[in-house]
Amino acid sequence: MDARKQAEARNAGGRYDKAPKRLVAQEVLANLSALTDAGASVVASLITSMTKSSFPDATPKAVLALDSMKSAIQNDRSEQEQRRKQERDDRANSIRSSERVRESQRAEVQAKRDGLRDRFSNLMMEANSQRRGYLLETFLNDLFDFEELDPRRSFKLLGEQIDGSFAWRSRTCLVEAKWVKDPVAGAEFGAFNYKIDGKSADTRGIYVSVNGYSPDAIRGMNAKGALKFVCIDGAHIMRALVSSEGISPILERVWRHADETGEAYLPVSQI
């Protein structure tokens, strides 16, 4: 049934000799509405065409209605543009806010790293060797904590002093820290091996000698059986403190070298 017939059906009571155009128009719009999205698109096209056309024979009332519709469309477009602009501004503000948060976080991390670097540099001026050794243990714990390696401060067991520990490669890694005048000669390696041997099979170790190691000490470890710890020195620590990547890549490289070659020590110049 077309719109004209539908309009005439509504006029069945005989109010009008013939169904007026407004009734026909209402039926056309009702039919289009039943088409959902497709109908809405047609209605929108009709309205757009009407607002762009002139009707010289229209009554003043019709002209007023058309002007009102044009004004409503313009207001709607203006409101939509305002909403889109607000959404763009909100997204831009959100991005800027996120960037500020990230920049603040980066600055905070860098400030902590700089503070650790200054602490390590100041330790070099500590004349008391015993106090310097204690401060080194504390510093290493704070460094590993900064690197999110879940450290534990120095602790004592029966007949043993453990300078600390941290988590690495899903294992516990014991720490032996030395800051003596000369490079470590290797006599202390046996005691550290003994500490590791008394723990679980997965326990490893890291030997920290700020002033390095004698060549004989490192060569002597090659004939000592299974390698259970690696060695780093002050240069490794300083590299970690001046790099945004931190100590984890250094430890990974040193352990990879030890796994592949059996050598416990890899100078920072080769990393």
C-alpha atoms as a PDB file:
ATOM      1  CA  MET A   1       0.000   0.000   0.000  1.00  0.00           C
ATOM      2  CA  ASP A   2       1.515   3.363  -1.009  1.00  0.00           C
ATOM      3  CA  ALA A   3       1.447   6.561   1.042  1.00  0.00           C
ATOM      4  CA  ARG A   4      -1.501   8.051  -0.843  1.00  0.00           C
ATOM      5  CA  LYS A   5      -3.688   5.000  -0.163  1.00  0.00           C
ATOM      6  CA  GLN A   6      -2.587   4.961   3.470  1.00  0.00           C
ATOM      7  CA  ALA A   7      -3.532   8.626   3.795  1.00  0.00           C
ATOM      8  CA  GLU A   8      -6.931   8.017   2.170  1.00  0.00           C
ATOM      9  CA  ALA A   9      -7.503   5.135   4.590  1.00  0.00           C
ATOM     10  CA  ARG A  10      -6.888   7.522   7.478  1.00  0.00           C
ATOM     11  CA  ASN A  11      -9.435   9.892   5.843  1.00  0.00           C
ATOM     12  CA  ALA A  12     -12.043   7.162   5.643  1.00  0.00           C
ATOM     13  CA  GLY A  13     -14.313   9.112   7.961  1.00  0.00           C
ATOM     14  CA  GLY A  14     -14.797  11.699   5.217  1.00  0.00           C
ATOM     15  CA  ARG A  15     -13.393  14.698   7.074  1.00  0.00           C
ATOM     16  CA  TYR A  16     -11.783  15.798   3.824  1.00  0.00           C
ATOM     17  CA  ASP A  17     -12.923  15.231   0.247  1.00  0.00           C
ATOM     18  CA  LYS A  18      -9.401  14.061  -0.440  1.00  0.00           C
ATOM     19  CA  ALA A  19      -6.630  13.265   2.004  1.00  0.00           C
ATOM     20  CA  PRO A  20      -4.449  16.413   2.315  1.00  0.00           C
ATOM     21  CA  LYS A  21      -0.779  16.424   1.408  1.00  0.00           C
ATOM     22  CA  ARG A  22       0.308  16.611   5.039  1.00  0.00           C
ATOM     23  CA  LEU A  23      -1.326  13.238   5.696  1.00  0.00           C
ATOM     24  CA  VAL A  24       0.447  11.791   2.679  1.00  0.00           C
ATOM     25  CA  ALA A  25       3.741  13.265   3.864  1.00  0.00           C
ATOM     26  CA  GLN A  26       3.214  11.767   7.319  1.00  0.00           C
ATOM     27  CA  GLU A  27       2.656   8.351   5.775  1.00  0.00           C
ATOM     28  CA  VAL A  28       5.798   8.709   3.629  1.00  0.00           C
ATOM     29  CA  LEU A  29       7.837   9.543   6.708  1.00  0.00           C
ATOM     30  CA  ALA A  30       6.277   6.669   8.662  1.00  0.00           C
ATOM     31  CA  ASN A  31       7.148   4.234   5.878  1.00  0.00           C
ATOM     32  CA  LEU A  32      10.703   5.528   5.718  1.00  0.00           C
ATOM     33  CA  SER A  33      11.085   5.222   9.493  1.00  0.00           C
ATOM     34  CA  ALA A  34      10.166   1.564   9.218  1.00  0.00           C
ATOM     35  CA  LEU A  35      13.274   1.098   7.026  1.00  0.00           C
ATOM     36  CA  THR A  36      15.530   1.951  10.039  1.00  0.00           C
ATOM     37  CA  ASP A  37      19.000   3.067   8.884  1.00  0.00           C
ATOM     38  CA  ALA A  38      18.168   3.162   5.172  1.00  0.00           C
ATOM     39  CA  GLY A  39      15.005   5.152   5.848  1.00  0.00           C
ATOM     40  CA  ALA A  40      16.824   7.549   8.141  1.00  0.00           C
ATOM     41  CA  SER A  41      19.355   8.191   5.389  1.00  0.00           C
ATOM     42  CA  VAL A  42      16.585   9.002   2.913  1.00  0.00           C
ATOM     43  CA  VAL A  43      14.878  11.330   5.405  1.00  0.00           C
ATOM     44  CA  ALA A  44      18.186  13.089   6.048  1.00  0.00           C
ATOM     45  CA  SER A  45      18.684  13.549   2.299  1.00  0.00           C
ATOM     46  CA  LEU A  46      15.188  14.958   1.925  1.00  0.00           C
ATOM     47  CA  ILE A  47      15.716  17.421   4.744  1.00  0.00           C
ATOM     48  CA  THR A  48      19.077  18.502   3.309  1.00  0.00           C
ATOM     49  CA  SER A  49      17.497  19.060  -0.106  1.00  0.00           C
ATOM     50  CA  MET A  50      14.684  21.088   1.426  1.00  0.00           C
ATOM     51  CA  THR A  51      17.091  23.372   3.318  1.00  0.00           C
ATOM     52  CA  LYS A  52      19.060  24.019   0.128  1.00  0.00           C
ATOM     53  CA  SER A  53      16.004  24.723  -2.044  1.00  0.00           C
ATOM     54  CA  SER A  54      13.745  27.766  -2.370  1.00  0.00           C
ATOM     55  CA  PHE A  55       9.964  27.610  -2.423  1.00  0.00           C
ATOM     56  CA  PRO A  56       8.625  30.865  -3.925  1.00  0.00           C
ATOM     57  CA  ASP A  57       5.007  29.704  -3.716  1.00  0.00           C
ATOM     58  CA  ALA A  58       5.200  28.588  -0.091  1.00  0.00           C
ATOM     59  CA  THR A  59       2.922  30.158   2.464  1.00  0.00           C
ATOM     60  CA  PRO A  60       4.432  32.406   5.172  1.00  0.00           C
ATOM     61  CA  LYS A  61       3.740  29.641   7.675  1.00  0.00           C
ATOM     62  CA  ALA A  62       5.632  27.126   5.532  1.00  0.00           C
ATOM     63  CA  VAL A  63       8.544  29.547   5.071  1.00  0.00           C
ATOM     64  CA  LEU A  64       8.692  30.076   8.837  1.00  0.00           C
ATOM     65  CA  ALA A  65       8.665  26.311   9.404  1.00  0.00           C
ATOM     66  CA  LEU A  66      11.474  25.836   6.864  1.00  0.00           C
ATOM     67  CA  ASP A  67      13.548  28.612   8.452  1.00  0.00           C
ATOM     68  CA  SER A  68      12.987  27.021  11.853  1.00  0.00           C
ATOM     69  CA  MET A  69      14.167  23.661  10.503  1.00  0.00           C
ATOM     70  CA  LYS A  70      17.280  25.266   8.965  1.00  0.00           C
ATOM     71  CA  SER A  71      18.052  26.941  12.276  1.00  0.00           C
ATOM     72  CA  ALA A  72      17.596  23.658  14.168  1.00  0.00           C
ATOM     73  CA  ILE A  73      19.904  21.839  11.732  1.00  0.00           C
ATOM     74  CA  GLN A  74      22.539  24.556  12.070  1.00  0.00           C
ATOM     75  CA  ASN A  75      22.325  24.426  15.852  1.00  0.00           C
ATOM     76  CA  ASP A  76      22.614  20.657  15.789  1.00  0.00           C
ATOM     77  CA  ARG A  77      25.688  20.838  13.547  1.00  0.00           C
ATOM     78  CA  SER A  78      27.213  23.456  15.799  1.00  0.00           C
ATOM     79  CA  GLU A  79      26.589  21.315  18.885  1.00  0.00           C
ATOM     80  CA  GLN A  80      28.071  18.250  17.166  1.00  0.00           C
ATOM     81  CA  GLU A  81      31.169  20.208  16.183  1.00  0.00           C
ATOM     82  CA  GLN A  82      31.501  21.483  19.755  1.00  0.00           C
ATOM     83  CA  ARG A  83      31.250  17.918  21.061  1.00  0.00           C
ATOM     84  CA  ARG A  84      33.861  16.705  18.548  1.00  0.00           C
ATOM     85  CA  LYS A  85      36.144  19.576  19.487  1.00  0.00           C
ATOM     86  CA  GLN A  86      35.686  18.812  23.174  1.00  0.00           C
ATOM     87  CA  GLU A  87      36.465  15.139  22.536  1.00  0.00           C
ATOM     88  CA  ARG A  88      39.612  16.099  20.607  1.00  0.00           C
ATOM     89  CA  ASP A  89      40.655  18.459  23.385  1.00  0.00           C
ATOM     90  CA  ASP A  90      39.977  15.776  26.013  1.00  0.00           C
ATOM     91  CA  ARG A  91      42.088  13.230  24.099  1.00  0.00           C
ATOM     92  CA  ALA A  92      44.893  15.742  23.653  1.00  0.00           C
ATOM     93  CA  ASN A  93      44.790  16.663  27.355  1.00  0.00           C
ATOM     94  CA  SER A  94      44.803  12.984  28.299  1.00  0.00           C
ATOM     95  CA  ILE A  95      47.850  12.357  26.092  1.00  0.00           C
ATOM     96  CA  ARG A  96      49.659  15.381  27.515  1.00  0.00           C
ATOM     97  CA  SER A  97      48.784  14.305  31.044  1.00  0.00           C
ATOM     98  CA  SER A  98      50.090  10.777  30.379  1.00  0.00           C
ATOM     99  CA  GLU A  99      53.274  12.212  28.889  1.00  0.00           C
ATOM    100  CA  ARG A 100      53.762  14.431  31.937  1.00  0.00           C
ATOM    101  CA  VAL A 101      53.291  11.430  34.222  1.00  0.00           C
ATOM    102  CA  ARG A 102      55.798   9.367  32.225  1.00  0.00           C
ATOM    103  CA  GLU A 103      58.272  12.243  32.167  1.00  0.00           C
ATOM    104  CA  SER A 104      57.870  12.695  35.914  1.00  0.00           C
ATOM    105  CA  GLN A 105      58.442   8.979  36.442  1.00  0.00           C
ATOM    106  CA  ARG A 106      61.550   9.035  34.216  1.00  0.00           C
ATOM    107  CA  ALA A 107      62.878  12.046  36.109  1.00  0.00           C
ATOM    108  CA  GLU A 108      62.245  10.328  39.443  1.00  0.00           C
ATOM    109  CA  VAL A 109      64.050   7.160  38.306  1.00  0.00           C
ATOM    110  CA  GLN A 110      66.960   9.190  36.956  1.00  0.00           C
ATOM    111  CA  ALA A 111      67.195  11.179  40.199  1.00  0.00           C
ATOM    112  CA  LYS A 112      67.407   7.929  42.191  1.00  0.00           C
ATOM    113  CA  ARG A 113      70.048   6.575  39.806  1.00  0.00           C
ATOM    114  CA  ASP A 114      72.060   9.797  40.092  1.00  0.00           C
ATOM    115  CA  GLY A 115      71.806   9.588  43.880  1.00  0.00           C
ATOM    116  CA  LEU A 116      73.176   6.037  43.861  1.00  0.00           C
ATOM    117  CA  ARG A 117      75.994   7.080  41.543  1.00  0.00           C
ATOM    118  CA  ASP A 118      76.945   9.939  43.875  1.00  0.00           C
ATOM    119  CA  ARG A 119      76.879   7.582  46.857  1.00  0.00           C
ATOM    120  CA  PHE A 120      79.169   5.150  45.093  1.00  0.00           C
ATOM    121  CA  SER A 121      81.579   7.950  44.146  1.00  0.00           C
ATOM    122  CA  ASN A 122      81.605   9.259  47.718  1.00  0.00           C
ATOM    123  CA  LEU A 123      82.487   5.795  49.028  1.00  0.00           C
ATOM    124  CA  MET A 124      85.850   6.127  47.322  1.00  0.00           C
ATOM    125  CA  MET A 125      86.730   8.910  49.746  1.00  0.00           C
ATOM    126  CA  GLU A 126      85.986   6.781  52.831  1.00  0.00           C
ATOM    127  CA  ALA A 127      89.334   6.201  54.539  1.00  0.00           C
ATOM    128  CA  ASN A 128      88.152   3.587  57.038  1.00  0.00           C
ATOM    129  CA  SER A 129      88.270   0.285  55.126  1.00  0.00           C
ATOM    130  CA  GLN A 130      85.968  -1.541  57.570  1.00  0.00           C
ATOM    131  CA  ARG A 131      83.333   1.182  57.380  1.00  0.00           C
ATOM    132  CA  ARG A 132      83.730   1.352  53.603  1.00  0.00           C
ATOM    133  CA  GLY A 133      83.049  -2.378  53.354  1.00  0.00           C
ATOM    134  CA  TYR A 134      79.907  -2.050  55.449  1.00  0.00           C
ATOM    135  CA  LEU A 135      78.703   0.909  53.382  1.00  0.00           C
ATOM    136  CA  LEU A 136      79.360  -1.084  50.212  1.00  0.00           C
ATOM    137  CA  GLU A 137      77.054  -3.875  51.415  1.00  0.00           C
ATOM    138  CA  THR A 138      74.332  -1.324  52.157  1.00  0.00           C
ATOM    139  CA  PHE A 139      74.863   0.384  48.821  1.00  0.00           C
ATOM    140  CA  LEU A 140      74.631  -2.885  46.865  1.00  0.00           C
ATOM    141  CA  ASN A 141      71.390  -3.787  48.638  1.00  0.00           C
ATOM    142  CA  ASP A 142      69.933  -0.390  47.691  1.00  0.00           C
ATOM    143  CA  LEU A 143      71.177  -0.759  44.117  1.00  0.00           C
ATOM    144  CA  PHE A 144      69.569  -4.190  43.728  1.00  0.00           C
ATOM    145  CA  ASP A 145      66.383  -2.840  45.293  1.00  0.00           C
ATOM    146  CA  PHE A 146      66.380   0.043  42.797  1.00  0.00           C
ATOM    147  CA  GLU A 147      66.826  -2.529  40.026  1.00  0.00           C
ATOM    148  CA  GLU A 148      63.833  -4.484  41.431  1.00  0.00           C
ATOM    149  CA  LEU A 149      65.884  -7.628  42.095  1.00  0.00           C
ATOM    150  CA  ASP A 150      64.239  -8.370  45.443  1.00  0.00           C
ATOM    151  CA  PRO A 151      67.414  -8.098  47.556  1.00  0.00           C
ATOM    152  CA  ARG A 152      68.054  -9.127  51.151  1.00  0.00           C
ATOM    153  CA  ARG A 153      70.546  -7.351  53.376  1.00  0.00           C
ATOM    154  CA  SER A 154      73.560  -9.113  54.856  1.00  0.00           C
ATOM    155  CA  PHE A 155      72.763 -11.891  57.301  1.00  0.00           C
ATOM    156  CA  LYS A 156      74.571 -14.453  59.425  1.00  0.00           C
ATOM    157  CA  LEU A 157      74.257 -18.214  59.481  1.00  0.00           C
ATOM    158  CA  LEU A 158      76.090 -20.674  61.681  1.00  0.00           C
ATOM    159  CA  GLY A 159      79.751 -20.038  60.929  1.00  0.00           C
ATOM    160  CA  GLU A 160      78.960 -17.882  57.875  1.00  0.00           C
ATOM    161  CA  GLN A 161      78.523 -14.231  57.010  1.00  0.00           C
ATOM    162  CA  ILE A 162      76.466 -13.618  53.854  1.00  0.00           C
ATOM    163  CA  ASP A 163      76.874 -10.093  52.488  1.00  0.00           C
ATOM    164  CA  GLY A 164      73.446 -10.162  50.895  1.00  0.00           C
ATOM    165  CA  SER A 165      71.375 -11.836  48.211  1.00  0.00           C
ATOM    166  CA  PHE A 166      69.003 -11.043  45.363  1.00  0.00           C
ATOM    167  CA  ALA A 167      66.828 -12.834  42.823  1.00  0.00           C
ATOM    168  CA  TRP A 168      68.258 -13.549  39.385  1.00  0.00           C
ATOM    169  CA  ARG A 169      67.055 -15.908  36.657  1.00  0.00           C
ATOM    170  CA  SER A 170      64.455 -17.280  39.070  1.00  0.00           C
ATOM    171  CA  ARG A 171      67.260 -18.274  41.443  1.00  0.00           C
ATOM    172  CA  THR A 172      68.727 -16.887  44.618  1.00  0.00           C
ATOM    173  CA  CYS A 173      72.060 -15.216  44.048  1.00  0.00           C
ATOM    174  CA  LEU A 174      74.344 -14.779  47.085  1.00  0.00           C
ATOM    175  CA  VAL A 175      76.566 -11.707  47.284  1.00  0.00           C
ATOM    176  CA  GLU A 176      80.181 -11.440  48.407  1.00  0.00           C
ATOM    177  CA  ALA A 177      81.372  -7.824  48.530  1.00  0.00           C
ATOM    178  CA  LYS A 178      85.005  -6.703  48.825  1.00  0.00           C
ATOM    179  CA  TRP A 179      86.544  -3.252  48.737  1.00  0.00           C
ATOM    180  CA  VAL A 180      90.194  -3.735  49.503  1.00  0.00           C
ATOM    181  CA  LYS A 181      93.189  -1.771  48.308  1.00  0.00           C
ATOM    182  CA  ASP A 182      94.575  -4.349  45.871  1.00  0.00           C
ATOM    183  CA  PRO A 183      92.794  -6.549  43.315  1.00  0.00           C
ATOM    184  CA  VAL A 184      91.436  -9.720  44.868  1.00  0.00           C
ATOM    185  CA  ALA A 185      93.997 -12.523  44.527  1.00  0.00           C
ATOM    186  CA  GLY A 186      91.555 -15.389  44.655  1.00  0.00           C
ATOM    187  CA  ALA A 187      92.252 -16.874  48.089  1.00  0.00           C
ATOM    188  CA  GLU A 188      88.759 -15.832  49.184  1.00  0.00           C
ATOM    189  CA  PHE A 189      87.056 -17.637  46.300  1.00  0.00           C
ATOM    190  CA  GLY A 190      87.125 -20.982  48.083  1.00  0.00           C
ATOM    191  CA  ALA A 191      85.242 -19.617  51.094  1.00  0.00           C
ATOM    192  CA  PHE A 192      82.554 -18.159  48.843  1.00  0.00           C
ATOM    193  CA  ASN A 193      82.244 -21.433  46.960  1.00  0.00           C
ATOM    194  CA  TYR A 194      81.802 -23.186  50.297  1.00  0.00           C
ATOM    195  CA  LYS A 195      78.929 -20.845  51.214  1.00  0.00           C
ATOM    196  CA  ILE A 196      77.182 -21.590  47.926  1.00  0.00           C
ATOM    197  CA  ASP A 197      77.765 -25.358  48.196  1.00  0.00           C
ATOM    198  CA  GLY A 198      75.902 -25.447  51.464  1.00  0.00           C
ATOM    199  CA  LYS A 199      72.711 -24.160  49.847  1.00  0.00           C
ATOM    200  CA  SER A 200      70.265 -25.556  47.303  1.00  0.00           C
ATOM    201  CA  ALA A 201      71.444 -26.777  43.908  1.00  0.00           C
ATOM    202  CA  ASP A 202      69.923 -23.708  42.230  1.00  0.00           C
ATOM    203  CA  THR A 203      71.806 -21.182  44.362  1.00  0.00           C
ATOM    204  CA  ARG A 204      74.355 -19.055  42.499  1.00  0.00           C
ATOM    205  CA  GLY A 205      76.604 -16.199  43.545  1.00  0.00           C
ATOM    206  CA  ILE A 206      78.105 -12.901  42.478  1.00  0.00           C
ATOM    207  CA  TYR A 207      81.477 -11.716  43.739  1.00  0.00           C
ATOM    208  CA  VAL A 208      81.892  -7.940  43.843  1.00  0.00           C
ATOM    209  CA  SER A 209      85.451  -6.622  44.139  1.00  0.00           C
ATOM    210  CA  VAL A 210      85.435  -2.885  43.492  1.00  0.00           C
ATOM    211  CA  ASN A 211      89.164  -2.801  42.692  1.00  0.00           C
ATOM    212  CA  GLY A 212      89.029  -5.835  40.431  1.00  0.00           C
ATOM    213  CA  TYR A 213      90.878  -9.169  40.369  1.00  0.00           C
ATOM    214  CA  SER A 214      94.369 -10.380  39.684  1.00  0.00           C
ATOM    215  CA  PRO A 215      94.786 -12.296  36.395  1.00  0.00           C
ATOM    216  CA  ASP A 216      95.936 -15.367  38.336  1.00  0.00           C
ATOM    217  CA  ALA A 217      92.769 -15.311  40.435  1.00  0.00           C
ATOM    218  CA  ILE A 218      90.527 -15.446  37.394  1.00  0.00           C
ATOM    219  CA  ARG A 219      92.653 -18.056  35.576  1.00  0.00           C
ATOM    220  CA  GLY A 220      92.745 -20.212  38.697  1.00  0.00           C
ATOM    221  CA  MET A 221      88.950 -20.508  38.733  1.00  0.00           C
ATOM    222  CA  ASN A 222      88.934 -22.305  35.384  1.00  0.00           C
ATOM    223  CA  ALA A 223      90.310 -25.475  36.981  1.00  0.00           C
ATOM    224  CA  LYS A 224      88.015 -25.473  40.018  1.00  0.00           C
ATOM    225  CA  GLY A 225      85.137 -27.514  38.614  1.00  0.00           C
ATOM    226  CA  ALA A 226      81.593 -26.272  38.054  1.00  0.00           C
ATOM    227  CA  LEU A 227      81.343 -22.475  38.024  1.00  0.00           C
ATOM    228  CA  LYS A 228      78.886 -21.313  40.683  1.00  0.00           C
ATOM    229  CA  PHE A 229      79.488 -17.576  40.749  1.00  0.00           C
ATOM    230  CA  VAL A 230      80.570 -14.722  38.497  1.00  0.00           C
ATOM    231  CA  CYS A 231      82.746 -11.713  39.243  1.00  0.00           C
ATOM    232  CA  ILE A 232      82.148  -8.014  38.656  1.00  0.00           C
ATOM    233  CA  ASP A 233      84.078  -4.926  39.722  1.00  0.00           C
ATOM    234  CA  GLY A 234      83.615  -1.196  40.266  1.00  0.00           C
ATOM    235  CA  ALA A 235      83.621  -0.489  36.531  1.00  0.00           C
ATOM    236  CA  HIS A 236      80.587  -2.738  36.058  1.00  0.00           C
ATOM    237  CA  ILE A 237      78.755  -0.929  38.846  1.00  0.00           C
ATOM    238  CA  MET A 238      79.589   2.502  37.443  1.00  0.00           C
ATOM    239  CA  ARG A 239      78.441   1.403  33.981  1.00  0.00           C
ATOM    240  CA  ALA A 240      75.101   0.398  35.500  1.00  0.00           C
ATOM    241  CA  LEU A 241      74.804   3.765  37.246  1.00  0.00           C
ATOM    242  CA  VAL A 242      75.414   5.886  34.147  1.00  0.00           C
ATOM    243  CA  SER A 243      73.198   3.823  31.835  1.00  0.00           C
ATOM    244  CA  SER A 244      69.417   4.012  31.731  1.00  0.00           C
ATOM    245  CA  GLU A 245      69.369   0.227  31.241  1.00  0.00           C
ATOM    246  CA  GLY A 246      70.842  -0.438  34.670  1.00  0.00           C
ATOM    247  CA  ILE A 247      72.648  -3.517  35.919  1.00  0.00           C
ATOM    248  CA  SER A 248      70.400  -6.282  34.570  1.00  0.00           C
ATOM    249  CA  PRO A 249      71.848  -6.298  31.004  1.00  0.00           C
ATOM    250  CA  ILE A 250      75.350  -6.365  32.486  1.00  0.00           C
ATOM    251  CA  LEU A 251      74.573  -9.354  34.685  1.00  0.00           C
ATOM    252  CA  GLU A 252      72.915 -11.091  31.744  1.00  0.00           C
ATOM    253  CA  ARG A 253      75.990 -10.583  29.582  1.00  0.00           C
ATOM    254  CA  VAL A 254      78.398 -11.710  32.315  1.00  0.00           C
ATOM    255  CA  TRP A 255      76.376 -14.850  33.065  1.00  0.00           C
ATOM    256  CA  ARG A 256      75.994 -15.625  29.356  1.00  0.00           C
ATOM    257  CA  HIS A 257      79.763 -15.364  28.964  1.00  0.00           C
ATOM    258  CA  ALA A 258      80.279 -17.638  31.987  1.00  0.00           C
ATOM    259  CA  ASP A 259      77.774 -20.196  30.674  1.00  0.00           C
ATOM    260  CA  GLU A 260      79.464 -20.305  27.270  1.00  0.00           C
ATOM    261  CA  THR A 261      83.128 -20.123  28.260  1.00  0.00           C
ATOM    262  CA  GLY A 262      83.400 -21.136  31.911  1.00  0.00           C
ATOM    263  CA  GLU A 263      85.079 -17.784  32.646  1.00  0.00           C
ATOM    264  CA  ALA A 264      83.715 -16.053  35.731  1.00  0.00           C
ATOM    265  CA  TYR A 265      84.926 -12.574  34.820  1.00  0.00           C
ATOM    266  CA  LEU A 266      84.148 -10.453  31.755  1.00  0.00           C
ATOM    267  CA  PRO A 267      85.720  -6.959  31.844  1.00  0.00           C
ATOM    268  CA  VAL A 268      83.279  -4.137  31.272  1.00  0.00           C
ATOM    269  CA  SER A 269      85.334  -3.069  28.252  1.00  0.00           C
ATOM    270  CA  GLN A 270      84.201  -6.267  26.503  1.00  0.00           C
ATOM    271  CA  ILE A 271      80.500  -5.736  27.235  1.00  0.00           C
END
